[in-house]
Amino acid sequence: MPDYVEHRDGATEIGKLTAEAIVREYEAAAKDIEAMGAELIERVKQCEAMTRDALAVTQEMKETAMRYREEAKRIFVQIEDCSQMTAEVRKTCTELKERIAVPATA
């Protein structure tokens, strides 16, 4: 019998047995409720761990996205540099062709 109850004077034997049986059932239910609370705390810890992992992964994703943007910028600049250099080569070739094609005046 749990220590938070005690029989009162004058209670009949049947009343005492019935009260004990009922309090044991309630106590068993209370222990089950406490066990559910402990299980809930365990699930909360798991959720916290998942949250930490998700935050770490999210940070990693942000860093990966940043590296992609940096690479995109590098390639963008490289393509524009190549395009500009090609345009300069074509301009130089055109100017040289024009100079070669012009008859010399003597």
PDB file of N, CA and C in Angstrom:
ATOM      1  N   MET A   1       0.857  -1.175   0.000  1.00  0.00           N
ATOM      2  CA  MET A   1       0.000   0.000   0.000  1.00  0.00           C
ATOM      3  C   MET A   1       0.899   1.233   0.000  1.00  0.00           C
ATOM      4  N   PRO A   2       0.587   2.240  -0.830  1.00  0.00           N
ATOM      5  CA  PRO A   2       1.410   3.451  -0.881  1.00  0.00           C
ATOM      6  C   PRO A   2       1.437   4.161   0.462  1.00  0.00           C
ATOM      7  N   ASP A   3       2.532   4.883   0.709  1.00  0.00           N
ATOM      8  CA  ASP A   3       2.689   5.526   2.015  1.00  0.00           C
ATOM      9  C   ASP A   3       1.883   6.824   2.145  1.00  0.00           C
ATOM     10  N   TYR A   4       1.219   7.259   1.105  1.00  0.00           N
ATOM     11  CA  TYR A   4       0.432   8.499   1.198  1.00  0.00           C
ATOM     12  C   TYR A   4      -1.000   8.271   1.687  1.00  0.00           C
ATOM     13  N   VAL A   5      -1.338   6.990   1.980  1.00  0.00           N
ATOM     14  CA  VAL A   5      -2.662   6.679   2.555  1.00  0.00           C
ATOM     15  C   VAL A   5      -2.488   5.765   3.760  1.00  0.00           C
ATOM     16  N   GLU A   6      -3.436   5.827   4.644  1.00  0.00           N
ATOM     17  CA  GLU A   6      -3.476   4.875   5.766  1.00  0.00           C
ATOM     18  C   GLU A   6      -4.932   4.675   6.183  1.00  0.00           C
ATOM     19  N   HIS A   7      -5.168   3.501   6.695  1.00  0.00           N
ATOM     20  CA  HIS A   7      -6.542   3.179   7.097  1.00  0.00           C
ATOM     21  C   HIS A   7      -6.954   4.047   8.282  1.00  0.00           C
ATOM     22  N   ARG A   8      -8.229   4.369   8.278  1.00  0.00           N
ATOM     23  CA  ARG A   8      -8.785   5.136   9.404  1.00  0.00           C
ATOM     24  C   ARG A   8      -9.409   4.174  10.406  1.00  0.00           C
ATOM     25  N   ASP A   9      -9.429   4.623  11.598  1.00  0.00           N
ATOM     26  CA  ASP A   9     -10.096   3.811  12.630  1.00  0.00           C
ATOM     27  C   ASP A   9     -11.571   3.677  12.297  1.00  0.00           C
ATOM     28  N   GLY A  10     -12.072   2.534  12.489  1.00  0.00           N
ATOM     29  CA  GLY A  10     -13.495   2.298  12.294  1.00  0.00           C
ATOM     30  C   GLY A  10     -13.840   1.764  10.922  1.00  0.00           C
ATOM     31  N   ALA A  11     -12.850   1.729   9.998  1.00  0.00           N
ATOM     32  CA  ALA A  11     -13.143   1.200   8.656  1.00  0.00           C
ATOM     33  C   ALA A  11     -13.292  -0.309   8.762  1.00  0.00           C
ATOM     34  N   THR A  12     -14.255  -0.861   8.057  1.00  0.00           N
ATOM     35  CA  THR A  12     -14.472  -2.312   8.101  1.00  0.00           C
ATOM     36  C   THR A  12     -13.383  -3.006   7.286  1.00  0.00           C
ATOM     37  N   GLU A  13     -13.256  -4.289   7.494  1.00  0.00           N
ATOM     38  CA  GLU A  13     -12.236  -5.059   6.765  1.00  0.00           C
ATOM     39  C   GLU A  13     -12.502  -5.016   5.266  1.00  0.00           C
ATOM     40  N   ILE A  14     -13.765  -5.165   4.871  1.00  0.00           N
ATOM     41  CA  ILE A  14     -14.125  -5.090   3.447  1.00  0.00           C
ATOM     42  C   ILE A  14     -13.815  -3.699   2.902  1.00  0.00           C
ATOM     43  N   GLY A  15     -14.105  -2.664   3.668  1.00  0.00           N
ATOM     44  CA  GLY A  15     -13.806  -1.289   3.249  1.00  0.00           C
ATOM     45  C   GLY A  15     -12.308  -1.083   3.097  1.00  0.00           C
ATOM     46  N   LYS A  16     -11.519  -1.624   4.047  1.00  0.00           N
ATOM     47  CA  LYS A  16     -10.068  -1.490   3.968  1.00  0.00           C
ATOM     48  C   LYS A  16      -9.515  -2.206   2.734  1.00  0.00           C
ATOM     49  N   LEU A  17      -9.984  -3.453   2.515  1.00  0.00           N
ATOM     50  CA  LEU A  17      -9.504  -4.223   1.351  1.00  0.00           C
ATOM     51  C   LEU A  17      -9.886  -3.539   0.045  1.00  0.00           C
ATOM     52  N   THR A  18     -11.114  -3.054  -0.022  1.00  0.00           N
ATOM     53  CA  THR A  18     -11.571  -2.359  -1.226  1.00  0.00           C
ATOM     54  C   THR A  18     -10.766  -1.081  -1.448  1.00  0.00           C
ATOM     55  N   ALA A  19     -10.561  -0.304  -0.380  1.00  0.00           N
ATOM     56  CA  ALA A  19      -9.791   0.937  -0.496  1.00  0.00           C
ATOM     57  C   ALA A  19      -8.359   0.642  -0.939  1.00  0.00           C
ATOM     58  N   GLU A  20      -7.760  -0.419  -0.378  1.00  0.00           N
ATOM     59  CA  GLU A  20      -6.400  -0.801  -0.765  1.00  0.00           C
ATOM     60  C   GLU A  20      -6.344  -1.195  -2.242  1.00  0.00           C
ATOM     61  N   ALA A  21      -7.312  -1.990  -2.687  1.00  0.00           N
ATOM     62  CA  ALA A  21      -7.341  -2.422  -4.083  1.00  0.00           C
ATOM     63  C   ALA A  21      -7.466  -1.220  -5.021  1.00  0.00           C
ATOM     64  N   ILE A  22      -8.335  -0.288  -4.672  1.00  0.00           N
ATOM     65  CA  ILE A  22      -8.535   0.898  -5.510  1.00  0.00           C
ATOM     66  C   ILE A  22      -7.279   1.768  -5.537  1.00  0.00           C
ATOM     67  N   VAL A  23      -6.673   1.994  -4.351  1.00  0.00           N
ATOM     68  CA  VAL A  23      -5.489   2.843  -4.302  1.00  0.00           C
ATOM     69  C   VAL A  23      -4.327   2.200  -5.063  1.00  0.00           C
ATOM     70  N   ARG A  24      -4.245   0.863  -5.039  1.00  0.00           N
ATOM     71  CA  ARG A  24      -3.201   0.182  -5.818  1.00  0.00           C
ATOM     72  C   ARG A  24      -3.418   0.389  -7.321  1.00  0.00           C
ATOM     73  N   GLU A  25      -4.656   0.310  -7.759  1.00  0.00           N
ATOM     74  CA  GLU A  25      -4.962   0.550  -9.177  1.00  0.00           C
ATOM     75  C   GLU A  25      -4.611   1.989  -9.578  1.00  0.00           C
ATOM     76  N   TYR A  26      -4.986   2.930  -8.726  1.00  0.00           N
ATOM     77  CA  TYR A  26      -4.649   4.329  -9.001  1.00  0.00           C
ATOM     78  C   TYR A  26      -3.127   4.527  -9.005  1.00  0.00           C
ATOM     79  N   GLU A  27      -2.463   3.890  -8.059  1.00  0.00           N
ATOM     80  CA  GLU A  27      -0.999   4.004  -7.975  1.00  0.00           C
ATOM     81  C   GLU A  27      -0.344   3.421  -9.227  1.00  0.00           C
ATOM     82  N   ALA A  28      -0.859   2.288  -9.681  1.00  0.00           N
ATOM     83  CA  ALA A  28      -0.323   1.683 -10.908  1.00  0.00           C
ATOM     84  C   ALA A  28      -0.526   2.626 -12.091  1.00  0.00           C
ATOM     85  N   ALA A  29      -1.703   3.238 -12.169  1.00  0.00           N
ATOM     86  CA  ALA A  29      -1.969   4.194 -13.248  1.00  0.00           C
ATOM     87  C   ALA A  29      -1.048   5.408 -13.126  1.00  0.00           C
ATOM     88  N   ALA A  30      -0.829   5.882 -11.882  1.00  0.00           N
ATOM     89  CA  ALA A  30       0.056   7.022 -11.670  1.00  0.00           C
ATOM     90  C   ALA A  30       1.475   6.692 -12.119  1.00  0.00           C
ATOM     91  N   LYS A  31       1.932   5.483 -11.830  1.00  0.00           N
ATOM     92  CA  LYS A  31       3.276   5.059 -12.264  1.00  0.00           C
ATOM     93  C   LYS A  31       3.342   4.972 -13.792  1.00  0.00           C
ATOM     94  N   ASP A  32       2.276   4.493 -14.412  1.00  0.00           N
ATOM     95  CA  ASP A  32       2.232   4.453 -15.876  1.00  0.00           C
ATOM     96  C   ASP A  32       2.293   5.874 -16.457  1.00  0.00           C
ATOM     97  N   ILE A  33       1.593   6.793 -15.835  1.00  0.00           N
ATOM     98  CA  ILE A  33       1.611   8.188 -16.283  1.00  0.00           C
ATOM     99  C   ILE A  33       3.026   8.755 -16.158  1.00  0.00           C
ATOM    100  N   GLU A  34       3.690   8.468 -15.025  1.00  0.00           N
ATOM    101  CA  GLU A  34       5.068   8.917 -14.838  1.00  0.00           C
ATOM    102  C   GLU A  34       5.991   8.310 -15.895  1.00  0.00           C
ATOM    103  N   ALA A  35       5.771   7.036 -16.194  1.00  0.00           N
ATOM    104  CA  ALA A  35       6.578   6.367 -17.220  1.00  0.00           C
ATOM    105  C   ALA A  35       6.369   7.031 -18.579  1.00  0.00           C
ATOM    106  N   MET A  36       5.116   7.412 -18.868  1.00  0.00           N
ATOM    107  CA  MET A  36       4.846   8.124 -20.123  1.00  0.00           C
ATOM    108  C   MET A  36       5.580   9.459 -20.131  1.00  0.00           C
ATOM    109  N   GLY A  37       5.624  10.115 -18.981  1.00  0.00           N
ATOM    110  CA  GLY A  37       6.358  11.377 -18.879  1.00  0.00           C
ATOM    111  C   GLY A  37       7.834  11.176 -19.170  1.00  0.00           C
ATOM    112  N   ALA A  38       8.403  10.104 -18.620  1.00  0.00           N
ATOM    113  CA  ALA A  38       9.815   9.798 -18.880  1.00  0.00           C
ATOM    114  C   ALA A  38      10.027   9.495 -20.359  1.00  0.00           C
ATOM    115  N   GLU A  39       9.097   8.759 -20.946  1.00  0.00           N
ATOM    116  CA  GLU A  39       9.179   8.452 -22.384  1.00  0.00           C
ATOM    117  C   GLU A  39       9.068   9.742 -23.201  1.00  0.00           C
ATOM    118  N   LEU A  40       8.191  10.632 -22.792  1.00  0.00           N
ATOM    119  CA  LEU A  40       8.035  11.914 -23.477  1.00  0.00           C
ATOM    120  C   LEU A  40       9.336  12.715 -23.411  1.00  0.00           C
ATOM    121  N   ILE A  41       9.972  12.722 -22.251  1.00  0.00           N
ATOM    122  CA  ILE A  41      11.252  13.429 -22.109  1.00  0.00           C
ATOM    123  C   ILE A  41      12.291  12.825 -23.052  1.00  0.00           C
ATOM    124  N   GLU A  42      12.298  11.514 -23.162  1.00  0.00           N
ATOM    125  CA  GLU A  42      13.230  10.860 -24.086  1.00  0.00           C
ATOM    126  C   GLU A  42      12.958  11.292 -25.525  1.00  0.00           C
ATOM    127  N   ARG A  43      11.685  11.379 -25.902  1.00  0.00           N
ATOM    128  CA  ARG A  43      11.329  11.835 -27.256  1.00  0.00           C
ATOM    129  C   ARG A  43      11.733  13.294 -27.469  1.00  0.00           C
ATOM    130  N   VAL A  44      11.573  14.104 -26.432  1.00  0.00           N
ATOM    131  CA  VAL A  44      11.988  15.515 -26.524  1.00  0.00           C
ATOM    132  C   VAL A  44      13.492  15.592 -26.764  1.00  0.00           C
ATOM    133  N   LYS A  45      14.264  14.765 -26.058  1.00  0.00           N
ATOM    134  CA  LYS A  45      15.713  14.741 -26.257  1.00  0.00           C
ATOM    135  C   LYS A  45      16.056  14.342 -27.692  1.00  0.00           C
ATOM    136  N   GLN A  46      15.318  13.362 -28.210  1.00  0.00           N
ATOM    137  CA  GLN A  46      15.538  12.947 -29.597  1.00  0.00           C
ATOM    138  C   GLN A  46      15.205  14.086 -30.555  1.00  0.00           C
ATOM    139  N   CYS A  47      14.116  14.791 -30.278  1.00  0.00           N
ATOM    140  CA  CYS A  47      13.738  15.937 -31.117  1.00  0.00           C
ATOM    141  C   CYS A  47      14.802  17.031 -31.055  1.00  0.00           C
ATOM    142  N   GLU A  48      15.312  17.275 -29.863  1.00  0.00           N
ATOM    143  CA  GLU A  48      16.368  18.280 -29.715  1.00  0.00           C
ATOM    144  C   GLU A  48      17.598  17.879 -30.517  1.00  0.00           C
ATOM    145  N   ALA A  49      17.953  16.607 -30.463  1.00  0.00           N
ATOM    146  CA  ALA A  49      19.105  16.120 -31.233  1.00  0.00           C
ATOM    147  C   ALA A  49      18.852  16.282 -32.725  1.00  0.00           C
ATOM    148  N   MET A  50      17.633  15.943 -33.165  1.00  0.00           N
ATOM    149  CA  MET A  50      17.290  16.109 -34.577  1.00  0.00           C
ATOM    150  C   MET A  50      17.336  17.582 -34.968  1.00  0.00           C
ATOM    151  N   THR A  51      16.890  18.450 -34.083  1.00  0.00           N
ATOM    152  CA  THR A  51      16.916  19.886 -34.354  1.00  0.00           C
ATOM    153  C   THR A  51      18.358  20.360 -34.497  1.00  0.00           C
ATOM    154  N   ARG A  52      19.215  19.923 -33.581  1.00  0.00           N
ATOM    155  CA  ARG A  52      20.637  20.302 -33.682  1.00  0.00           C
ATOM    156  C   ARG A  52      21.223  19.807 -34.998  1.00  0.00           C
ATOM    157  N   ASP A  53      20.923  18.555 -35.347  1.00  0.00           N
ATOM    158  CA  ASP A  53      21.426  17.995 -36.600  1.00  0.00           C
ATOM    159  C   ASP A  53      20.887  18.771 -37.791  1.00  0.00           C
ATOM    160  N   ALA A  54      19.606  19.106 -37.744  1.00  0.00           N
ATOM    161  CA  ALA A  54      19.000  19.855 -38.845  1.00  0.00           C
ATOM    162  C   ALA A  54      19.633  21.235 -38.977  1.00  0.00           C
ATOM    163  N   LEU A  55      19.910  21.879 -37.857  1.00  0.00           N
ATOM    164  CA  LEU A  55      20.557  23.194 -37.902  1.00  0.00           C
ATOM    165  C   LEU A  55      21.966  23.078 -38.478  1.00  0.00           C
ATOM    166  N   ALA A  56      22.675  22.030 -38.098  1.00  0.00           N
ATOM    167  CA  ALA A  56      24.021  21.818 -38.637  1.00  0.00           C
ATOM    168  C   ALA A  56      23.956  21.576 -40.140  1.00  0.00           C
ATOM    169  N   VAL A  57      23.007  20.759 -40.572  1.00  0.00           N
ATOM    170  CA  VAL A  57      22.856  20.472 -41.999  1.00  0.00           C
ATOM    171  C   VAL A  57      22.443  21.739 -42.738  1.00  0.00           C
ATOM    172  N   THR A  58      21.558  22.516 -42.133  1.00  0.00           N
ATOM    173  CA  THR A  58      21.131  23.765 -42.764  1.00  0.00           C
ATOM    174  C   THR A  58      22.317  24.702 -42.939  1.00  0.00           C
ATOM    175  N   GLN A  59      23.180  24.781 -41.930  1.00  0.00           N
ATOM    176  CA  GLN A  59      24.372  25.618 -42.038  1.00  0.00           C
ATOM    177  C   GLN A  59      25.277  25.101 -43.148  1.00  0.00           C
ATOM    178  N   GLU A  60      25.418  23.794 -43.221  1.00  0.00           N
ATOM    179  CA  GLU A  60      26.230  23.199 -44.278  1.00  0.00           C
ATOM    180  C   GLU A  60      25.639  23.512 -45.658  1.00  0.00           C
ATOM    181  N   MET A  61      24.312  23.476 -45.754  1.00  0.00           N
ATOM    182  CA  MET A  61      23.649  23.792 -47.023  1.00  0.00           C
ATOM    183  C   MET A  61      23.890  25.254 -47.411  1.00  0.00           C
ATOM    184  N   LYS A  62      23.835  26.151 -46.421  1.00  0.00           N
ATOM    185  CA  LYS A  62      24.100  27.557 -46.696  1.00  0.00           C
ATOM    186  C   LYS A  62      25.526  27.752 -47.208  1.00  0.00           C
ATOM    187  N   GLU A  63      26.465  27.055 -46.581  1.00  0.00           N
ATOM    188  CA  GLU A  63      27.857  27.156 -47.013  1.00  0.00           C
ATOM    189  C   GLU A  63      28.039  26.604 -48.420  1.00  0.00           C
ATOM    190  N   THR A  64      27.363  25.499 -48.721  1.00  0.00           N
ATOM    191  CA  THR A  64      27.432  24.929 -50.066  1.00  0.00           C
ATOM    192  C   THR A  64      26.844  25.897 -51.088  1.00  0.00           C
ATOM    193  N   ALA A  65      25.712  26.494 -50.755  1.00  0.00           N
ATOM    194  CA  ALA A  65      25.091  27.472 -51.660  1.00  0.00           C
ATOM    195  C   ALA A  65      26.027  28.655 -51.881  1.00  0.00           C
ATOM    196  N   MET A  66      26.710  29.097 -50.821  1.00  0.00           N
ATOM    197  CA  MET A  66      27.645  30.210 -50.938  1.00  0.00           C
ATOM    198  C   MET A  66      28.801  29.831 -51.876  1.00  0.00           C
ATOM    199  N   ARG A  67      29.319  28.595 -51.724  1.00  0.00           N
ATOM    200  CA  ARG A  67      30.397  28.143 -52.618  1.00  0.00           C
ATOM    201  C   ARG A  67      29.905  28.079 -54.065  1.00  0.00           C
ATOM    202  N   TYR A  68      28.672  27.657 -54.299  1.00  0.00           N
ATOM    203  CA  TYR A  68      28.112  27.629 -55.652  1.00  0.00           C
ATOM    204  C   TYR A  68      28.048  29.034 -56.231  1.00  0.00           C
ATOM    205  N   ARG A  69      27.614  29.982 -55.406  1.00  0.00           N
ATOM    206  CA  ARG A  69      27.541  31.363 -55.888  1.00  0.00           C
ATOM    207  C   ARG A  69      28.924  31.909 -56.213  1.00  0.00           C
ATOM    208  N   GLU A  70      29.902  31.592 -55.372  1.00  0.00           N
ATOM    209  CA  GLU A  70      31.272  32.038 -55.640  1.00  0.00           C
ATOM    210  C   GLU A  70      31.795  31.425 -56.939  1.00  0.00           C
ATOM    211  N   GLU A  71      31.509  30.153 -57.142  1.00  0.00           N
ATOM    212  CA  GLU A  71      31.933  29.482 -58.374  1.00  0.00           C
ATOM    213  C   GLU A  71      31.218  30.072 -59.585  1.00  0.00           C
ATOM    214  N   ALA A  72      29.935  30.363 -59.433  1.00  0.00           N
ATOM    215  CA  ALA A  72      29.182  30.979 -60.531  1.00  0.00           C
ATOM    216  C   ALA A  72      29.787  32.327 -60.885  1.00  0.00           C
ATOM    217  N   LYS A  73      30.146  33.099 -59.869  1.00  0.00           N
ATOM    218  CA  LYS A  73      30.754  34.414 -60.106  1.00  0.00           C
ATOM    219  C   LYS A  73      32.095  34.257 -60.820  1.00  0.00           C
ATOM    220  N   ARG A  74      32.904  33.282 -60.368  1.00  0.00           N
ATOM    221  CA  ARG A  74      34.206  33.049 -60.988  1.00  0.00           C
ATOM    222  C   ARG A  74      34.045  32.684 -62.465  1.00  0.00           C
ATOM    223  N   ILE A  75      33.124  31.780 -62.752  1.00  0.00           N
ATOM    224  CA  ILE A  75      32.890  31.364 -64.137  1.00  0.00           C
ATOM    225  C   ILE A  75      32.338  32.524 -64.959  1.00  0.00           C
ATOM    226  N   PHE A  76      31.422  33.294 -64.377  1.00  0.00           N
ATOM    227  CA  PHE A  76      30.841  34.459 -65.049  1.00  0.00           C
ATOM    228  C   PHE A  76      31.947  35.422 -65.484  1.00  0.00           C
ATOM    229  N   VAL A  77      32.837  35.748 -64.535  1.00  0.00           N
ATOM    230  CA  VAL A  77      33.938  36.673 -64.827  1.00  0.00           C
ATOM    231  C   VAL A  77      34.858  36.078 -65.882  1.00  0.00           C
ATOM    232  N   GLN A  78      35.157  34.790 -65.757  1.00  0.00           N
ATOM    233  CA  GLN A  78      36.034  34.142 -66.731  1.00  0.00           C
ATOM    234  C   GLN A  78      35.435  34.180 -68.132  1.00  0.00           C
ATOM    235  N   ILE A  79      34.149  33.905 -68.240  1.00  0.00           N
ATOM    236  CA  ILE A  79      33.490  33.936 -69.555  1.00  0.00           C
ATOM    237  C   ILE A  79      33.504  35.350 -70.123  1.00  0.00           C
ATOM    238  N   GLU A  80      33.195  36.331 -69.287  1.00  0.00           N
ATOM    239  CA  GLU A  80      33.209  37.708 -69.778  1.00  0.00           C
ATOM    240  C   GLU A  80      34.622  38.132 -70.174  1.00  0.00           C
ATOM    241  N   ASP A  81      35.633  37.711 -69.409  1.00  0.00           N
ATOM    242  CA  ASP A  81      37.022  38.012 -69.769  1.00  0.00           C
ATOM    243  C   ASP A  81      37.382  37.386 -71.108  1.00  0.00           C
ATOM    244  N   CYS A  82      37.004  36.120 -71.300  1.00  0.00           N
ATOM    245  CA  CYS A  82      37.266  35.442 -72.575  1.00  0.00           C
ATOM    246  C   CYS A  82      36.534  36.138 -73.717  1.00  0.00           C
ATOM    247  N   SER A  83      35.304  36.527 -73.455  1.00  0.00           N
ATOM    248  CA  SER A  83      34.509  37.216 -74.477  1.00  0.00           C
ATOM    249  C   SER A  83      35.163  38.539 -74.854  1.00  0.00           C
ATOM    250  N   GLN A  84      35.606  39.272 -73.836  1.00  0.00           N
ATOM    251  CA  GLN A  84      36.253  40.560 -74.087  1.00  0.00           C
ATOM    252  C   GLN A  84      37.563  40.357 -74.848  1.00  0.00           C
ATOM    253  N   MET A  85      38.355  39.343 -74.441  1.00  0.00           N
ATOM    254  CA  MET A  85      39.603  39.066 -75.118  1.00  0.00           C
ATOM    255  C   MET A  85      39.348  38.659 -76.565  1.00  0.00           C
ATOM    256  N   THR A  86      38.342  37.843 -76.798  1.00  0.00           N
ATOM    257  CA  THR A  86      37.992  37.417 -78.155  1.00  0.00           C
ATOM    258  C   THR A  86      37.589  38.617 -79.004  1.00  0.00           C
ATOM    259  N   ALA A  87      36.802  39.512 -78.394  1.00  0.00           N
ATOM    260  CA  ALA A  87      36.394  40.728 -79.128  1.00  0.00           C
ATOM    261  C   ALA A  87      37.612  41.569 -79.478  1.00  0.00           C
ATOM    262  N   GLU A  88      38.571  41.674 -78.550  1.00  0.00           N
ATOM    263  CA  GLU A  88      39.783  42.445 -78.828  1.00  0.00           C
ATOM    264  C   GLU A  88      40.618  41.791 -79.924  1.00  0.00           C
ATOM    265  N   VAL A  89      40.717  40.440 -79.885  1.00  0.00           N
ATOM    266  CA  VAL A  89      41.451  39.722 -80.931  1.00  0.00           C
ATOM    267  C   VAL A  89      40.795  39.945 -82.284  1.00  0.00           C
ATOM    268  N   ARG A  90      39.470  39.843 -82.320  1.00  0.00           N
ATOM    269  CA  ARG A  90      38.755  40.052 -83.597  1.00  0.00           C
ATOM    270  C   ARG A  90      38.958  41.471 -84.113  1.00  0.00           C
ATOM    271  N   LYS A  91      38.917  42.442 -83.203  1.00  0.00           N
ATOM    272  CA  LYS A  91      39.122  43.844 -83.589  1.00  0.00           C
ATOM    273  C   LYS A  91      40.534  44.030 -84.130  1.00  0.00           C
ATOM    274  N   THR A  92      41.505  43.442 -83.435  1.00  0.00           N
ATOM    275  CA  THR A  92      42.894  43.546 -83.895  1.00  0.00           C
ATOM    276  C   THR A  92      43.060  42.881 -85.254  1.00  0.00           C
ATOM    277  N   CYS A  93      42.459  41.708 -85.426  1.00  0.00           N
ATOM    278  CA  CYS A  93      42.541  41.007 -86.713  1.00  0.00           C
ATOM    279  C   CYS A  93      41.901  41.829 -87.818  1.00  0.00           C
ATOM    280  N   THR A  94      40.736  42.414 -87.519  1.00  0.00           N
ATOM    281  CA  THR A  94      40.048  43.239 -88.512  1.00  0.00           C
ATOM    282  C   THR A  94      40.914  44.440 -88.884  1.00  0.00           C
ATOM    283  N   GLU A  95      41.479  45.106 -87.891  1.00  0.00           N
ATOM    284  CA  GLU A  95      42.329  46.267 -88.160  1.00  0.00           C
ATOM    285  C   GLU A  95      43.556  45.859 -88.969  1.00  0.00           C
ATOM    286  N   LEU A  96      44.151  44.721 -88.633  1.00  0.00           N
ATOM    287  CA  LEU A  96      45.327  44.247 -89.354  1.00  0.00           C
ATOM    288  C   LEU A  96      44.970  43.892 -90.787  1.00  0.00           C
ATOM    289  N   LYS A  97      43.811  43.235 -90.960  1.00  0.00           N
ATOM    290  CA  LYS A  97      43.348  42.892 -92.309  1.00  0.00           C
ATOM    291  C   LYS A  97      43.151  44.148 -93.146  1.00  0.00           C
ATOM    292  N   GLU A  98      42.564  45.174 -92.517  1.00  0.00           N
ATOM    293  CA  GLU A  98      42.315  46.427 -93.224  1.00  0.00           C
ATOM    294  C   GLU A  98      43.637  47.091 -93.605  1.00  0.00           C
ATOM    295  N   ARG A  99      44.620  46.998 -92.724  1.00  0.00           N
ATOM    296  CA  ARG A  99      45.921  47.610 -93.018  1.00  0.00           C
ATOM    297  C   ARG A  99      46.648  46.860 -94.115  1.00  0.00           C
ATOM    298  N   ILE A 100      46.470  45.533 -94.112  1.00  0.00           N
ATOM    299  CA  ILE A 100      47.144  44.739 -95.146  1.00  0.00           C
ATOM    300  C   ILE A 100      46.448  44.943 -96.492  1.00  0.00           C
ATOM    301  N   ALA A 101      45.147  45.080 -96.489  1.00  0.00           N
ATOM    302  CA  ALA A 101      44.375  45.180 -97.717  1.00  0.00           C
ATOM    303  C   ALA A 101      44.511  46.554 -98.370  1.00  0.00           C
ATOM    304  N   VAL A 102      44.866  47.561 -97.633  1.00  0.00           N
ATOM    305  CA  VAL A 102      44.989  48.928 -98.195  1.00  0.00           C
ATOM    306  C   VAL A 102      46.281  48.975 -99.012  1.00  0.00           C
ATOM    307  N   PRO A 103      46.153  49.405-100.260  1.00  0.00           N
ATOM    308  CA  PRO A 103      47.381  49.501-101.097  1.00  0.00           C
ATOM    309  C   PRO A 103      48.316  50.582-100.537  1.00  0.00           C
ATOM    310  N   ALA A 104      49.545  50.331-100.590  1.00  0.00           N
ATOM    311  CA  ALA A 104      50.535  51.273-100.086  1.00  0.00           C
ATOM    312  C   ALA A 104      50.680  52.433-101.079  1.00  0.00           C
ATOM    313  N   THR A 105      50.776  53.618-100.585  1.00  0.00           N
ATOM    314  CA  THR A 105      50.969  54.787-101.438  1.00  0.00           C
ATOM    315  C   THR A 105      52.453  55.136-101.416  1.00  0.00           C
ATOM    316  N   ALA A 106      53.018  55.245-102.573  1.00  0.00           N
ATOM    317  CA  ALA A 106      54.451  55.499-102.637  1.00  0.00           C
ATOM    318  C   ALA A 106      54.767  56.864-103.157  1.00  0.00           C
TER     319      ALA A 106
END
